[in-house]
Amino acid sequence: MEGGRTVVEVSGEVDIATAGLLAVHLDAATAARGADVVVDLRSVEFFDCSGLRVLCRAEARAREGGGRLRVACHAPLVRRLLATTGLGERLLPLPALTGGDT
């Protein structure tokens, strides 16, 4: 937990083989009512639609519980994927994790 929010750090590849593990961690992070979760994707080297599905599900779960889920990423690949699918508006990508993020 960092500044009242839960940060889930992700690294390496997020694909069909690893998305289930990410889902387990995001389910735990979004379980509490009012959860404020940031998924740190800054160390991700590959990200596919399996990861998007997990993020969408976790974002919906957080929102239904009165919370929110955002992502921190600066990789052009991930940002382009979020923008192309329209998920950037739901997941509100942050360029970094700083105390000033709102």
Protein backbone atom coordinates (compact mmCIF):
# COMPACT_ATOMS: atom_id res chain seq x y z
CA MET A 1 0.00 0.00 0.00
CA GLU A 2 1.33 3.43 -0.90
CA GLY A 3 -0.32 6.67 0.23
CA GLY A 4 -3.71 5.05 0.85
CA ARG A 5 -3.71 3.18 -2.43
CA THR A 6 -2.64 -0.30 -3.40
CA VAL A 7 0.06 -0.54 -6.05
CA VAL A 8 0.30 -3.79 -8.00
CA GLU A 9 3.68 -3.95 -9.75
CA VAL A 10 3.79 -5.98 -12.95
CA SER A 11 6.89 -6.89 -14.95
CA GLY A 12 7.84 -9.04 -17.90
CA GLU A 13 5.12 -10.29 -20.20
CA VAL A 14 1.37 -10.22 -19.69
CA ASP A 15 -0.22 -12.74 -22.02
CA ILE A 16 -2.52 -15.75 -21.92
CA ALA A 17 0.05 -17.68 -19.87
CA THR A 18 0.43 -15.02 -17.15
CA ALA A 19 -2.88 -13.13 -17.14
CA GLY A 20 -4.40 -15.53 -14.61
CA LEU A 21 -1.74 -14.70 -12.04
CA LEU A 22 -2.32 -10.99 -12.59
CA ALA A 23 -6.06 -11.57 -12.15
CA VAL A 24 -5.46 -13.23 -8.77
CA HIS A 25 -3.50 -10.22 -7.52
CA LEU A 26 -6.00 -7.70 -8.89
CA ASP A 27 -8.93 -9.62 -7.40
CA ALA A 28 -7.26 -9.33 -4.00
CA ALA A 29 -6.43 -5.64 -4.51
CA THR A 30 -9.98 -4.71 -5.57
CA ALA A 31 -11.81 -6.83 -2.97
CA ALA A 32 -12.19 -4.06 -0.40
CA ARG A 33 -14.94 -1.50 -0.74
CA GLY A 34 -13.54 1.82 -1.99
CA ALA A 35 -10.27 0.25 -3.17
CA ASP A 36 -7.90 2.69 -4.85
CA VAL A 37 -5.61 0.57 -7.03
CA VAL A 38 -2.79 1.52 -9.37
CA VAL A 39 -1.43 -1.19 -11.65
CA ASP A 40 2.21 -0.36 -12.35
CA LEU A 41 2.93 -1.54 -15.90
CA ARG A 42 6.16 0.44 -16.31
CA SER A 43 8.31 -2.73 -16.33
CA VAL A 44 6.08 -4.68 -18.73
CA GLU A 45 7.80 -5.77 -21.93
CA PHE A 46 4.77 -7.34 -23.65
CA PHE A 47 1.05 -6.88 -23.09
CA ASP A 48 -1.78 -8.47 -25.07
CA CYS A 49 -5.57 -8.71 -25.02
CA SER A 50 -5.45 -11.23 -22.16
CA GLY A 51 -4.02 -8.49 -19.98
CA LEU A 52 -6.62 -6.01 -21.21
CA ARG A 53 -9.40 -8.38 -20.23
CA VAL A 54 -7.95 -8.71 -16.72
CA LEU A 55 -7.60 -4.92 -16.36
CA CYS A 56 -11.18 -4.34 -17.56
CA ARG A 57 -12.57 -6.86 -15.10
CA ALA A 58 -10.56 -5.41 -12.21
CA GLU A 59 -11.53 -1.83 -13.11
CA ALA A 60 -15.21 -2.78 -13.19
CA ARG A 61 -14.91 -4.57 -9.86
CA ALA A 62 -13.19 -1.60 -8.23
CA ARG A 63 -15.77 0.84 -9.63
CA GLU A 64 -18.70 -1.35 -8.50
CA GLY A 65 -17.23 -1.28 -4.99
CA GLY A 66 -16.98 2.51 -4.99
CA GLY A 67 -13.26 2.54 -5.79
CA ARG A 68 -11.07 3.02 -8.81
CA LEU A 69 -8.31 1.34 -10.76
CA ARG A 70 -5.72 3.16 -12.82
CA VAL A 71 -2.56 2.12 -14.60
CA ALA A 72 0.93 3.63 -14.55
CA CYS A 73 2.70 3.13 -17.83
CA HIS A 74 4.95 5.00 -20.18
CA ALA A 75 5.60 2.31 -22.80
CA PRO A 76 4.26 3.43 -26.17
CA LEU A 77 3.00 -0.09 -26.90
CA VAL A 78 0.79 -0.25 -23.81
CA ARG A 79 -0.40 3.35 -24.13
CA ARG A 80 -1.26 2.79 -27.80
CA LEU A 81 -3.14 -0.40 -26.94
CA LEU A 82 -5.17 1.42 -24.30
CA ALA A 83 -5.90 4.34 -26.63
CA THR A 84 -6.82 2.13 -29.60
CA THR A 85 -9.27 0.07 -27.56
CA GLY A 86 -10.76 3.12 -25.83
CA LEU A 87 -9.71 1.79 -22.43
CA GLY A 88 -7.45 4.76 -21.76
CA GLU A 89 -10.53 6.74 -20.75
CA ARG A 90 -11.54 4.08 -18.21
CA LEU A 91 -8.09 3.25 -16.86
CA LEU A 92 -6.66 6.79 -16.82
CA PRO A 93 -3.00 5.98 -17.57
CA LEU A 94 -0.49 7.77 -15.36
CA PRO A 95 3.07 8.37 -16.58
CA ALA A 96 4.55 7.68 -13.13
CA LEU A 97 3.75 6.94 -9.50
CA THR A 98 4.16 10.10 -7.49
CA GLY A 99 2.55 11.40 -4.34
CA GLY A 100 0.73 14.01 -6.43
CA ASP A 101 -1.29 11.52 -8.50
CA THR A 102 -4.99 12.02 -7.98
